[in-house]
Amino acid sequence: MSEYAKNKPAGFKNAIEKVAIVGAGGTIGSHLVSALLKSGKHTVTALSRKDSSNKLLDGVHVAPVDYSDESTIVEALKGQEFFIITLSPTAPRDTHSKLVQAAAKAGVPYIMPNSYAGDIEQVQLGVDTLVGPVAKANREEVEKLGMQWIAVSCGFWYDYSLAGGETRFGFDFDKHTLTIYDDGQTKNSVSTLAQVGRAVAKVLSLPLFPQDENDKSLTISSWLNKAVYLKSFVVNQNEIFESVKRVTGTTDADWTVTHQNTKQRYEEGMALVKKGNMSGFGKLLYSRAFYPEDPSNCAAKAQNELLGLPEEKLDDATKDGIELVKELQKRPERMAS
């Protein structure tokens, strides 16, 4: 049954204004915060460990929390209208559940769970990459506790994946080597970090509900317990390589290129993970997404036009990715679990 703003009690604001976020200084969190602040429609509060050294953007309110003390998280979330969770893969496994439970106790109605990936409806891909069942359980917990969620189906983050080393898009920029999966022709739909930020900010800047049954305009409620679908590009590794060469002014002669079968690479990564070596996770994740018969490509569902997202240029995104290389090298392994 549809909800309408006209039926809400006096004083109801048909908008999301107060947004809380975990991971505001992180890879995706910083882009979400930037886009939300740029919209001018939101007050953004970052939940941050008291000992955190993360630098946050000007205009962000900081709520210090102790993740081992639920009452501090509940207090920080009181009065918040939307809660965005972004977590490093190295975060303790129970962190997401702790945050969701605290949000429920604080009365937060809507959550964006830690799920910024491929199509949530592409079940086998999710199972094979190990992330699908976890993300599904996270969404189910939100619903079980009486809240609603919005997920983000954006594919791999293009700039981050390009910069992240050989286990992702196959590039090692220090050694000038490239590992191509199969023949390099399988396409994935991918999104830049900035495009993900823009999409989330666009959705959260819409009215919450239609005014009445005649109001057919876009509202946040259209996405409740669903995913926002977006893309920046639909590309294969060969096309990425051509872009890299254009941006760096290099030629084939400057690179050592090898090919590897995706299924063999996936099995290698899975074998490492089963031994407790999480360095294999990136390997299995990315190789599986490039299986020719079942790639990570949700371009047909992308809602870019609906949300008014800009067209981007591949070479600009490639340049951004290459500039990220040194920054990512300073971080601990981000694809561990």
C-alpha atoms as a PDB file:
ATOM      1  CA  MET A   1       0.000   0.000   0.000  1.00  0.00           C
ATOM      2  CA  SER A   2       1.427   3.372  -1.045  1.00  0.00           C
ATOM      3  CA  GLU A   3       2.229   6.042   1.508  1.00  0.00           C
ATOM      4  CA  TYR A   4       1.416   9.667   0.754  1.00  0.00           C
ATOM      5  CA  ALA A   5       2.702  12.841   2.348  1.00  0.00           C
ATOM      6  CA  LYS A   6      -0.839  14.261   2.600  1.00  0.00           C
ATOM      7  CA  ASN A   7      -1.763  11.526   5.095  1.00  0.00           C
ATOM      8  CA  LYS A   8       1.136  12.243   7.439  1.00  0.00           C
ATOM      9  CA  PRO A   9       0.628  14.119  10.732  1.00  0.00           C
ATOM     10  CA  ALA A  10       0.944  17.899  10.987  1.00  0.00           C
ATOM     11  CA  GLY A  11       4.570  19.015  10.984  1.00  0.00           C
ATOM     12  CA  PHE A  12       5.749  16.099   8.830  1.00  0.00           C
ATOM     13  CA  LYS A  13       8.720  17.013   6.612  1.00  0.00           C
ATOM     14  CA  ASN A  14       8.585  15.181   3.301  1.00  0.00           C
ATOM     15  CA  ALA A  15      12.362  15.007   2.989  1.00  0.00           C
ATOM     16  CA  ILE A  16      15.481  13.366   4.380  1.00  0.00           C
ATOM     17  CA  GLU A  17      17.537  16.098   6.015  1.00  0.00           C
ATOM     18  CA  LYS A  18      19.580  14.421   8.740  1.00  0.00           C
ATOM     19  CA  VAL A  19      21.985  11.788   7.424  1.00  0.00           C
ATOM     20  CA  ALA A  20      24.443   9.834   9.579  1.00  0.00           C
ATOM     21  CA  ILE A  21      27.328   7.873   8.120  1.00  0.00           C
ATOM     22  CA  VAL A  22      29.947   5.387   9.283  1.00  0.00           C
ATOM     23  CA  GLY A  23      33.182   5.513   7.298  1.00  0.00           C
ATOM     24  CA  ALA A  24      32.884   9.161   6.257  1.00  0.00           C
ATOM     25  CA  GLY A  25      36.612   9.400   5.616  1.00  0.00           C
ATOM     26  CA  GLY A  26      36.876   6.137   3.692  1.00  0.00           C
ATOM     27  CA  THR A  27      37.123   5.201   0.028  1.00  0.00           C
ATOM     28  CA  ILE A  28      33.425   5.447  -0.807  1.00  0.00           C
ATOM     29  CA  GLY A  29      32.276   7.288   2.313  1.00  0.00           C
ATOM     30  CA  SER A  30      34.245  10.429   1.480  1.00  0.00           C
ATOM     31  CA  HIS A  31      32.575  10.632  -1.945  1.00  0.00           C
ATOM     32  CA  LEU A  32      29.112  10.090  -0.461  1.00  0.00           C
ATOM     33  CA  VAL A  33      29.708  12.849   2.087  1.00  0.00           C
ATOM     34  CA  SER A  34      31.045  15.244  -0.549  1.00  0.00           C
ATOM     35  CA  ALA A  35      28.009  14.769  -2.789  1.00  0.00           C
ATOM     36  CA  LEU A  36      25.539  15.058   0.097  1.00  0.00           C
ATOM     37  CA  LEU A  37      27.111  18.307   1.292  1.00  0.00           C
ATOM     38  CA  LYS A  38      27.185  19.655  -2.259  1.00  0.00           C
ATOM     39  CA  SER A  39      23.431  19.099  -2.555  1.00  0.00           C
ATOM     40  CA  GLY A  40      22.869  21.619   0.238  1.00  0.00           C
ATOM     41  CA  LYS A  41      19.884  19.604   1.463  1.00  0.00           C
ATOM     42  CA  HIS A  42      21.443  17.532   4.227  1.00  0.00           C
ATOM     43  CA  THR A  43      23.082  17.776   7.602  1.00  0.00           C
ATOM     44  CA  VAL A  44      25.753  15.068   7.639  1.00  0.00           C
ATOM     45  CA  THR A  45      26.913  13.496  10.898  1.00  0.00           C
ATOM     46  CA  ALA A  46      29.918  11.185  10.884  1.00  0.00           C
ATOM     47  CA  LEU A  47      30.133   8.481  13.540  1.00  0.00           C
ATOM     48  CA  SER A  48      33.808   8.346  14.386  1.00  0.00           C
ATOM     49  CA  ARG A  49      35.927   6.455  16.897  1.00  0.00           C
ATOM     50  CA  LYS A  50      37.212   8.772  19.593  1.00  0.00           C
ATOM     51  CA  ASP A  51      40.793   7.944  18.598  1.00  0.00           C
ATOM     52  CA  SER A  52      40.217   8.257  14.834  1.00  0.00           C
ATOM     53  CA  SER A  53      42.750  10.281  12.839  1.00  0.00           C
ATOM     54  CA  ASN A  54      40.580  10.452   9.715  1.00  0.00           C
ATOM     55  CA  LYS A  55      40.286  13.942   8.266  1.00  0.00           C
ATOM     56  CA  LEU A  56      36.719  14.810   7.352  1.00  0.00           C
ATOM     57  CA  LEU A  57      35.350  17.435   5.013  1.00  0.00           C
ATOM     58  CA  ASP A  58      34.399  20.841   6.376  1.00  0.00           C
ATOM     59  CA  GLY A  59      30.726  20.962   7.256  1.00  0.00           C
ATOM     60  CA  VAL A  60      30.545  17.417   8.650  1.00  0.00           C
ATOM     61  CA  HIS A  61      29.319  17.077  12.221  1.00  0.00           C
ATOM     62  CA  VAL A  62      31.326  14.510  14.191  1.00  0.00           C
ATOM     63  CA  ALA A  63      29.726  12.195  16.752  1.00  0.00           C
ATOM     64  CA  PRO A  64      32.441  10.331  18.712  1.00  0.00           C
ATOM     65  CA  VAL A  65      31.474   6.732  19.457  1.00  0.00           C
ATOM     66  CA  ASP A  66      32.918   3.677  21.146  1.00  0.00           C
ATOM     67  CA  TYR A  67      32.030   0.662  19.021  1.00  0.00           C
ATOM     68  CA  SER A  68      32.289  -1.589  22.070  1.00  0.00           C
ATOM     69  CA  ASP A  69      29.617   0.501  23.851  1.00  0.00           C
ATOM     70  CA  GLU A  70      26.283   0.330  22.038  1.00  0.00           C
ATOM     71  CA  SER A  71      24.818   3.215  24.040  1.00  0.00           C
ATOM     72  CA  THR A  72      27.269   5.648  22.404  1.00  0.00           C
ATOM     73  CA  ILE A  73      26.166   4.541  18.933  1.00  0.00           C
ATOM     74  CA  VAL A  74      22.470   4.783  19.850  1.00  0.00           C
ATOM     75  CA  GLU A  75      23.021   8.269  21.243  1.00  0.00           C
ATOM     76  CA  ALA A  76      24.837   9.392  18.092  1.00  0.00           C
ATOM     77  CA  LEU A  77      22.003   8.086  15.890  1.00  0.00           C
ATOM     78  CA  LYS A  78      19.072   9.602  17.792  1.00  0.00           C
ATOM     79  CA  GLY A  79      17.144  12.008  15.574  1.00  0.00           C
ATOM     80  CA  GLN A  80      18.882  10.827  12.394  1.00  0.00           C
ATOM     81  CA  GLU A  81      16.596  10.133   9.442  1.00  0.00           C
ATOM     82  CA  PHE A  82      18.911   8.039   7.266  1.00  0.00           C
ATOM     83  CA  PHE A  83      21.968   5.969   8.190  1.00  0.00           C
ATOM     84  CA  ILE A  84      24.666   5.110   5.633  1.00  0.00           C
ATOM     85  CA  ILE A  85      27.009   2.251   6.530  1.00  0.00           C
ATOM     86  CA  THR A  86      30.355   1.944   4.748  1.00  0.00           C
ATOM     87  CA  LEU A  87      32.839  -0.508   6.230  1.00  0.00           C
ATOM     88  CA  SER A  88      36.346  -1.606   5.373  1.00  0.00           C
ATOM     89  CA  PRO A  89      36.553  -5.323   4.583  1.00  0.00           C
ATOM     90  CA  THR A  90      38.915  -5.525   7.580  1.00  0.00           C
ATOM     91  CA  ALA A  91      36.175  -4.426  10.018  1.00  0.00           C
ATOM     92  CA  PRO A  92      35.169  -7.091  12.601  1.00  0.00           C
ATOM     93  CA  ARG A  93      32.444  -9.319  11.190  1.00  0.00           C
ATOM     94  CA  ASP A  94      29.832  -8.324  13.750  1.00  0.00           C
ATOM     95  CA  THR A  95      30.230  -4.576  13.180  1.00  0.00           C
ATOM     96  CA  HIS A  96      27.410  -4.274  10.643  1.00  0.00           C
ATOM     97  CA  SER A  97      24.924  -6.039  12.889  1.00  0.00           C
ATOM     98  CA  LYS A  98      25.938  -3.909  15.877  1.00  0.00           C
ATOM     99  CA  LEU A  99      25.327  -0.740  13.869  1.00  0.00           C
ATOM    100  CA  VAL A 100      21.953  -1.910  12.538  1.00  0.00           C
ATOM    101  CA  GLN A 101      20.761  -2.916  15.991  1.00  0.00           C
ATOM    102  CA  ALA A 102      21.830   0.432  17.435  1.00  0.00           C
ATOM    103  CA  ALA A 103      20.025   2.242  14.605  1.00  0.00           C
ATOM    104  CA  ALA A 104      16.830   0.357  15.397  1.00  0.00           C
ATOM    105  CA  LYS A 105      17.076   1.318  19.075  1.00  0.00           C
ATOM    106  CA  ALA A 106      17.695   4.950  18.086  1.00  0.00           C
ATOM    107  CA  GLY A 107      14.589   4.981  15.889  1.00  0.00           C
ATOM    108  CA  VAL A 108      16.337   5.484  12.538  1.00  0.00           C
ATOM    109  CA  PRO A 109      13.813   4.513   9.835  1.00  0.00           C
ATOM    110  CA  TYR A 110      16.084   3.996   6.809  1.00  0.00           C
ATOM    111  CA  ILE A 111      19.486   2.412   6.257  1.00  0.00           C
ATOM    112  CA  MET A 112      21.910   2.096   3.364  1.00  0.00           C
ATOM    113  CA  PRO A 113      23.702  -1.157   4.236  1.00  0.00           C
ATOM    114  CA  ASN A 114      27.320  -1.824   3.378  1.00  0.00           C
ATOM    115  CA  SER A 115      26.575  -3.080  -0.128  1.00  0.00           C
ATOM    116  CA  TYR A 116      28.156  -1.095  -2.960  1.00  0.00           C
ATOM    117  CA  ALA A 117      28.640  -3.758  -5.572  1.00  0.00           C
ATOM    118  CA  GLY A 118      27.043  -5.593  -8.477  1.00  0.00           C
ATOM    119  CA  ASP A 119      23.417  -6.491  -9.088  1.00  0.00           C
ATOM    120  CA  ILE A 120      21.828  -7.739  -5.849  1.00  0.00           C
ATOM    121  CA  GLU A 121      19.536  -9.880  -8.019  1.00  0.00           C
ATOM    122  CA  GLN A 122      22.471 -11.675  -9.681  1.00  0.00           C
ATOM    123  CA  VAL A 123      22.359 -14.397  -7.053  1.00  0.00           C
ATOM    124  CA  GLN A 124      24.926 -16.896  -8.374  1.00  0.00           C
ATOM    125  CA  LEU A 125      27.557 -14.191  -8.826  1.00  0.00           C
ATOM    126  CA  GLY A 126      26.954 -13.154  -5.222  1.00  0.00           C
ATOM    127  CA  VAL A 127      27.295 -16.716  -3.968  1.00  0.00           C
ATOM    128  CA  ASP A 128      30.465 -17.390  -5.962  1.00  0.00           C
ATOM    129  CA  THR A 129      32.135 -14.196  -4.726  1.00  0.00           C
ATOM    130  CA  LEU A 130      31.106 -14.879  -1.108  1.00  0.00           C
ATOM    131  CA  VAL A 131      29.658 -11.369  -0.691  1.00  0.00           C
ATOM    132  CA  GLY A 132      26.073 -12.017  -1.790  1.00  0.00           C
ATOM    133  CA  PRO A 133      24.830 -14.079   1.180  1.00  0.00           C
ATOM    134  CA  VAL A 134      26.429 -11.634   3.661  1.00  0.00           C
ATOM    135  CA  ALA A 135      24.808  -8.628   1.980  1.00  0.00           C
ATOM    136  CA  LYS A 136      21.451 -10.430   1.840  1.00  0.00           C
ATOM    137  CA  ALA A 137      21.645 -11.243   5.562  1.00  0.00           C
ATOM    138  CA  ASN A 138      22.451  -7.600   6.303  1.00  0.00           C
ATOM    139  CA  ARG A 139      19.374  -6.415   4.384  1.00  0.00           C
ATOM    140  CA  GLU A 140      17.171  -9.017   6.057  1.00  0.00           C
ATOM    141  CA  GLU A 141      18.318  -7.889   9.493  1.00  0.00           C
ATOM    142  CA  VAL A 142      17.343  -4.296   8.662  1.00  0.00           C
ATOM    143  CA  GLU A 143      13.833  -5.449   7.717  1.00  0.00           C
ATOM    144  CA  LYS A 144      13.525  -7.777  10.692  1.00  0.00           C
ATOM    145  CA  LEU A 145      14.178  -4.838  13.020  1.00  0.00           C
ATOM    146  CA  GLY A 146      11.409  -2.799  11.401  1.00  0.00           C
ATOM    147  CA  MET A 147      13.501  -0.510   9.199  1.00  0.00           C
ATOM    148  CA  GLN A 148      13.830  -0.193   5.413  1.00  0.00           C
ATOM    149  CA  TRP A 149      16.935  -0.214   3.247  1.00  0.00           C
ATOM    150  CA  ILE A 150      18.295   1.117  -0.029  1.00  0.00           C
ATOM    151  CA  ALA A 151      21.215  -0.777  -1.591  1.00  0.00           C
ATOM    152  CA  VAL A 152      23.589   0.464  -4.301  1.00  0.00           C
ATOM    153  CA  SER A 153      24.217  -1.681  -7.399  1.00  0.00           C
ATOM    154  CA  CYS A 154      27.059   0.070  -9.164  1.00  0.00           C
ATOM    155  CA  GLY A 155      29.452  -2.674 -10.218  1.00  0.00           C
ATOM    156  CA  PHE A 156      33.125  -2.337  -9.381  1.00  0.00           C
ATOM    157  CA  TRP A 157      34.408   1.146  -8.562  1.00  0.00           C
ATOM    158  CA  TYR A 158      36.345   1.898 -11.739  1.00  0.00           C
ATOM    159  CA  ASP A 159      39.033   4.268 -10.442  1.00  0.00           C
ATOM    160  CA  TYR A 160      39.604   2.262  -7.254  1.00  0.00           C
ATOM    161  CA  SER A 161      39.766  -1.061  -9.103  1.00  0.00           C
ATOM    162  CA  LEU A 162      42.190   0.279 -11.694  1.00  0.00           C
ATOM    163  CA  ALA A 163      44.479   1.595  -8.957  1.00  0.00           C
ATOM    164  CA  GLY A 164      44.237  -1.382  -6.625  1.00  0.00           C
ATOM    165  CA  GLY A 165      46.840  -3.690  -8.087  1.00  0.00           C
ATOM    166  CA  GLU A 166      47.092  -6.810 -10.226  1.00  0.00           C
ATOM    167  CA  THR A 167      44.375  -8.743  -8.376  1.00  0.00           C
ATOM    168  CA  ARG A 168      41.672  -6.327  -9.506  1.00  0.00           C
ATOM    169  CA  PHE A 169      41.684  -5.058 -13.087  1.00  0.00           C
ATOM    170  CA  GLY A 170      45.041  -6.750 -13.681  1.00  0.00           C
ATOM    171  CA  PHE A 171      47.281  -3.662 -13.749  1.00  0.00           C
ATOM    172  CA  ASP A 172      50.563  -3.218 -11.882  1.00  0.00           C
ATOM    173  CA  PHE A 173      51.582   0.336 -12.701  1.00  0.00           C
ATOM    174  CA  ASP A 174      54.973   0.104 -11.003  1.00  0.00           C
ATOM    175  CA  LYS A 175      56.045  -2.947 -12.989  1.00  0.00           C
ATOM    176  CA  HIS A 176      54.088  -2.024 -16.140  1.00  0.00           C
ATOM    177  CA  THR A 177      52.482  -5.453 -16.227  1.00  0.00           C
ATOM    178  CA  LEU A 178      48.925  -6.432 -17.063  1.00  0.00           C
ATOM    179  CA  THR A 179      47.108  -9.711 -16.523  1.00  0.00           C
ATOM    180  CA  ILE A 180      44.203 -10.064 -18.945  1.00  0.00           C
ATOM    181  CA  TYR A 181      41.370 -12.421 -18.050  1.00  0.00           C
ATOM    182  CA  ASP A 182      40.712 -14.820 -20.942  1.00  0.00           C
ATOM    183  CA  ASP A 183      40.778 -12.724 -24.128  1.00  0.00           C
ATOM    184  CA  GLY A 184      39.986  -9.427 -22.399  1.00  0.00           C
ATOM    185  CA  GLN A 185      36.700  -9.040 -24.278  1.00  0.00           C
ATOM    186  CA  THR A 186      34.190  -9.611 -21.453  1.00  0.00           C
ATOM    187  CA  LYS A 187      32.493  -6.389 -20.398  1.00  0.00           C
ATOM    188  CA  ASN A 188      31.582  -5.253 -16.876  1.00  0.00           C
ATOM    189  CA  SER A 189      29.437  -2.285 -15.910  1.00  0.00           C
ATOM    190  CA  VAL A 190      31.482  -0.129 -13.549  1.00  0.00           C
ATOM    191  CA  SER A 191      31.063   3.172 -11.726  1.00  0.00           C
ATOM    192  CA  THR A 192      33.465   5.856 -10.569  1.00  0.00           C
ATOM    193  CA  LEU A 193      33.503   6.695  -6.889  1.00  0.00           C
ATOM    194  CA  ALA A 194      32.206  10.179  -7.712  1.00  0.00           C
ATOM    195  CA  GLN A 195      29.285   8.799  -9.734  1.00  0.00           C
ATOM    196  CA  VAL A 196      28.236   6.601  -6.800  1.00  0.00           C
ATOM    197  CA  GLY A 197      28.303   9.661  -4.569  1.00  0.00           C
ATOM    198  CA  ARG A 198      26.194  11.648  -7.007  1.00  0.00           C
ATOM    199  CA  ALA A 199      23.618   8.872  -7.366  1.00  0.00           C
ATOM    200  CA  VAL A 200      23.132   8.464  -3.627  1.00  0.00           C
ATOM    201  CA  ALA A 201      22.879  12.227  -3.093  1.00  0.00           C
ATOM    202  CA  LYS A 202      20.340  12.529  -5.935  1.00  0.00           C
ATOM    203  CA  VAL A 203      18.103   9.853  -4.408  1.00  0.00           C
ATOM    204  CA  LEU A 204      18.325  11.250  -0.884  1.00  0.00           C
ATOM    205  CA  SER A 205      17.542  14.764  -2.152  1.00  0.00           C
ATOM    206  CA  LEU A 206      14.162  13.682  -3.540  1.00  0.00           C
ATOM    207  CA  PRO A 207      10.888  14.018  -1.615  1.00  0.00           C
ATOM    208  CA  LEU A 208      10.376  11.050   0.683  1.00  0.00           C
ATOM    209  CA  PHE A 209       6.818  10.213  -0.464  1.00  0.00           C
ATOM    210  CA  PRO A 210       4.468  11.320  -3.264  1.00  0.00           C
ATOM    211  CA  GLN A 211       2.178  14.138  -2.150  1.00  0.00           C
ATOM    212  CA  ASP A 212      -0.917  12.129  -3.149  1.00  0.00           C
ATOM    213  CA  GLU A 213      -2.065   9.440  -5.592  1.00  0.00           C
ATOM    214  CA  ASN A 214      -1.807  11.890  -8.508  1.00  0.00           C
ATOM    215  CA  ASP A 215       1.824  12.745  -7.803  1.00  0.00           C
ATOM    216  CA  LYS A 216       3.942  10.692 -10.212  1.00  0.00           C
ATOM    217  CA  SER A 217       7.247  12.433  -9.503  1.00  0.00           C
ATOM    218  CA  LEU A 218      10.351  10.576  -8.280  1.00  0.00           C
ATOM    219  CA  THR A 219      10.498   9.933  -4.549  1.00  0.00           C
ATOM    220  CA  ILE A 220      12.846   8.155  -2.169  1.00  0.00           C
ATOM    221  CA  SER A 221      10.054   5.686  -1.422  1.00  0.00           C
ATOM    222  CA  SER A 222      10.460   4.284  -4.966  1.00  0.00           C
ATOM    223  CA  TRP A 223      13.760   2.750  -3.828  1.00  0.00           C
ATOM    224  CA  LEU A 224      12.845   1.483  -0.367  1.00  0.00           C
ATOM    225  CA  ASN A 225      13.906  -2.173   0.025  1.00  0.00           C
ATOM    226  CA  LYS A 226      15.365  -2.023  -3.483  1.00  0.00           C
ATOM    227  CA  ALA A 227      18.667  -1.110  -5.111  1.00  0.00           C
ATOM    228  CA  VAL A 228      19.682   2.075  -6.883  1.00  0.00           C
ATOM    229  CA  TYR A 229      21.255   0.979 -10.177  1.00  0.00           C
ATOM    230  CA  LEU A 230      23.912   3.074 -11.882  1.00  0.00           C
ATOM    231  CA  LYS A 231      26.955   2.914 -14.104  1.00  0.00           C
ATOM    232  CA  SER A 232      29.725   5.059 -15.468  1.00  0.00           C
ATOM    233  CA  PHE A 233      30.971   2.761 -18.224  1.00  0.00           C
ATOM    234  CA  VAL A 234      30.499  -0.696 -19.711  1.00  0.00           C
ATOM    235  CA  VAL A 235      34.026  -1.785 -20.529  1.00  0.00           C
ATOM    236  CA  ASN A 236      36.312  -4.757 -21.003  1.00  0.00           C
ATOM    237  CA  GLN A 237      39.976  -5.028 -20.060  1.00  0.00           C
ATOM    238  CA  ASN A 238      41.167  -4.384 -23.609  1.00  0.00           C
ATOM    239  CA  GLU A 239      39.300  -1.081 -23.674  1.00  0.00           C
ATOM    240  CA  ILE A 240      40.682  -0.155 -20.254  1.00  0.00           C
ATOM    241  CA  PHE A 241      44.200  -0.948 -21.509  1.00  0.00           C
ATOM    242  CA  GLU A 242      43.716   1.325 -24.537  1.00  0.00           C
ATOM    243  CA  SER A 243      42.607   4.110 -22.195  1.00  0.00           C
ATOM    244  CA  VAL A 244      45.596   3.557 -19.898  1.00  0.00           C
ATOM    245  CA  LYS A 245      47.981   3.792 -22.850  1.00  0.00           C
ATOM    246  CA  ARG A 246      46.355   7.035 -24.033  1.00  0.00           C
ATOM    247  CA  VAL A 247      46.505   8.597 -20.567  1.00  0.00           C
ATOM    248  CA  THR A 248      50.086   7.497 -19.808  1.00  0.00           C
ATOM    249  CA  GLY A 249      51.467   8.051 -23.299  1.00  0.00           C
ATOM    250  CA  THR A 250      52.689   4.445 -23.421  1.00  0.00           C
ATOM    251  CA  THR A 251      52.475   1.756 -26.094  1.00  0.00           C
ATOM    252  CA  ASP A 252      52.187  -2.035 -26.109  1.00  0.00           C
ATOM    253  CA  ALA A 253      55.981  -2.186 -26.084  1.00  0.00           C
ATOM    254  CA  ASP A 254      56.055  -0.578 -22.621  1.00  0.00           C
ATOM    255  CA  TRP A 255      53.888  -3.277 -21.038  1.00  0.00           C
ATOM    256  CA  THR A 256      54.309  -6.970 -20.279  1.00  0.00           C
ATOM    257  CA  VAL A 257      50.934  -8.571 -20.912  1.00  0.00           C
ATOM    258  CA  THR A 258      49.936 -12.070 -19.864  1.00  0.00           C
ATOM    259  CA  HIS A 259      46.609 -13.889 -20.140  1.00  0.00           C
ATOM    260  CA  GLN A 260      44.957 -16.132 -17.574  1.00  0.00           C
ATOM    261  CA  ASN A 261      41.821 -18.225 -17.709  1.00  0.00           C
ATOM    262  CA  THR A 262      39.170 -16.685 -15.456  1.00  0.00           C
ATOM    263  CA  LYS A 263      38.045 -19.995 -13.997  1.00  0.00           C
ATOM    264  CA  GLN A 264      41.601 -21.043 -13.211  1.00  0.00           C
ATOM    265  CA  ARG A 265      42.249 -17.662 -11.587  1.00  0.00           C
ATOM    266  CA  TYR A 266      39.028 -17.924  -9.575  1.00  0.00           C
ATOM    267  CA  GLU A 267      39.987 -21.359  -8.279  1.00  0.00           C
ATOM    268  CA  GLU A 268      43.440 -20.101  -7.284  1.00  0.00           C
ATOM    269  CA  GLY A 269      41.887 -17.252  -5.316  1.00  0.00           C
ATOM    270  CA  MET A 270      39.339 -19.522  -3.652  1.00  0.00           C
ATOM    271  CA  ALA A 271      42.049 -22.002  -2.640  1.00  0.00           C
ATOM    272  CA  LEU A 272      43.958 -19.205  -0.871  1.00  0.00           C
ATOM    273  CA  VAL A 273      40.822 -18.010   0.927  1.00  0.00           C
ATOM    274  CA  LYS A 274      39.991 -21.555   2.094  1.00  0.00           C
ATOM    275  CA  LYS A 275      43.463 -21.687   3.676  1.00  0.00           C
ATOM    276  CA  GLY A 276      42.723 -18.451   5.524  1.00  0.00           C
ATOM    277  CA  ASN A 277      44.823 -16.301   3.180  1.00  0.00           C
ATOM    278  CA  MET A 278      42.500 -13.424   2.318  1.00  0.00           C
ATOM    279  CA  SER A 279      44.875 -12.057  -0.303  1.00  0.00           C
ATOM    280  CA  GLY A 280      43.051 -14.509  -2.573  1.00  0.00           C
ATOM    281  CA  PHE A 281      39.737 -12.700  -2.137  1.00  0.00           C
ATOM    282  CA  GLY A 282      40.400  -9.944  -4.662  1.00  0.00           C
ATOM    283  CA  LYS A 283      41.577 -12.535  -7.131  1.00  0.00           C
ATOM    284  CA  LEU A 284      38.409 -14.655  -6.895  1.00  0.00           C
ATOM    285  CA  LEU A 285      36.130 -11.599  -6.768  1.00  0.00           C
ATOM    286  CA  TYR A 286      37.372  -9.907  -9.913  1.00  0.00           C
ATOM    287  CA  SER A 287      38.020 -13.011 -11.993  1.00  0.00           C
ATOM    288  CA  ARG A 288      34.495 -14.293 -11.273  1.00  0.00           C
ATOM    289  CA  ALA A 289      32.993 -10.971 -12.365  1.00  0.00           C
ATOM    290  CA  PHE A 290      34.621 -11.440 -15.778  1.00  0.00           C
ATOM    291  CA  TYR A 291      33.206 -14.912 -16.490  1.00  0.00           C
ATOM    292  CA  PRO A 292      32.056 -14.590 -20.123  1.00  0.00           C
ATOM    293  CA  GLU A 293      28.788 -16.458 -19.490  1.00  0.00           C
ATOM    294  CA  ASP A 294      27.815 -14.521 -16.332  1.00  0.00           C
ATOM    295  CA  PRO A 295      29.695 -11.232 -15.993  1.00  0.00           C
ATOM    296  CA  SER A 296      28.965  -8.398 -13.582  1.00  0.00           C
ATOM    297  CA  ASN A 297      26.962  -6.173 -15.890  1.00  0.00           C
ATOM    298  CA  CYS A 298      23.844  -4.407 -14.662  1.00  0.00           C
ATOM    299  CA  ALA A 299      23.913  -1.699 -17.346  1.00  0.00           C
ATOM    300  CA  ALA A 300      20.435  -2.638 -18.589  1.00  0.00           C
ATOM    301  CA  LYS A 301      19.015  -1.665 -15.193  1.00  0.00           C
ATOM    302  CA  ALA A 302      21.044   1.541 -14.771  1.00  0.00           C
ATOM    303  CA  GLN A 303      18.925   4.530 -13.718  1.00  0.00           C
ATOM    304  CA  ASN A 304      21.387   7.225 -14.801  1.00  0.00           C
ATOM    305  CA  GLU A 305      18.914   9.063 -17.006  1.00  0.00           C
ATOM    306  CA  LEU A 306      16.175   8.869 -14.388  1.00  0.00           C
ATOM    307  CA  LEU A 307      18.511  10.434 -11.815  1.00  0.00           C
ATOM    308  CA  GLY A 308      20.066  12.951 -14.196  1.00  0.00           C
ATOM    309  CA  LEU A 309      23.577  11.586 -13.721  1.00  0.00           C
ATOM    310  CA  PRO A 310      26.243  13.050 -16.001  1.00  0.00           C
ATOM    311  CA  GLU A 311      27.992  11.251 -18.834  1.00  0.00           C
ATOM    312  CA  GLU A 312      31.630  10.676 -17.916  1.00  0.00           C
ATOM    313  CA  LYS A 313      34.749  10.271 -20.041  1.00  0.00           C
ATOM    314  CA  LEU A 314      36.673   7.035 -19.697  1.00  0.00           C
ATOM    315  CA  ASP A 315      40.099   8.645 -20.020  1.00  0.00           C
ATOM    316  CA  ASP A 316      39.281  11.163 -17.252  1.00  0.00           C
ATOM    317  CA  ALA A 317      38.306   8.309 -14.937  1.00  0.00           C
ATOM    318  CA  THR A 318      41.449   6.380 -15.915  1.00  0.00           C
ATOM    319  CA  LYS A 319      43.563   9.426 -15.038  1.00  0.00           C
ATOM    320  CA  ASP A 320      41.832   9.618 -11.636  1.00  0.00           C
ATOM    321  CA  GLY A 321      42.480   5.920 -11.088  1.00  0.00           C
ATOM    322  CA  ILE A 322      46.182   6.193 -11.873  1.00  0.00           C
ATOM    323  CA  GLU A 323      46.449   9.116  -9.462  1.00  0.00           C
ATOM    324  CA  LEU A 324      44.961   6.858  -6.757  1.00  0.00           C
ATOM    325  CA  VAL A 325      47.704   4.227  -7.090  1.00  0.00           C
ATOM    326  CA  LYS A 326      50.160   5.723  -4.597  1.00  0.00           C
ATOM    327  CA  GLU A 327      47.420   6.492  -2.099  1.00  0.00           C
ATOM    328  CA  LEU A 328      46.127   2.921  -2.105  1.00  0.00           C
ATOM    329  CA  GLN A 329      49.636   1.516  -1.755  1.00  0.00           C
ATOM    330  CA  LYS A 330      49.921   3.298   1.607  1.00  0.00           C
ATOM    331  CA  ARG A 331      46.868   1.497   2.988  1.00  0.00           C
ATOM    332  CA  PRO A 332      46.605  -1.961   4.531  1.00  0.00           C
ATOM    333  CA  GLU A 333      45.173  -4.607   2.203  1.00  0.00           C
ATOM    334  CA  ARG A 334      41.637  -3.394   1.544  1.00  0.00           C
ATOM    335  CA  MET A 335      40.267  -6.581   0.064  1.00  0.00           C
ATOM    336  CA  ALA A 336      40.940  -8.735   3.106  1.00  0.00           C
ATOM    337  CA  SER A 337      38.002  -9.987   5.114  1.00  0.00           C
END
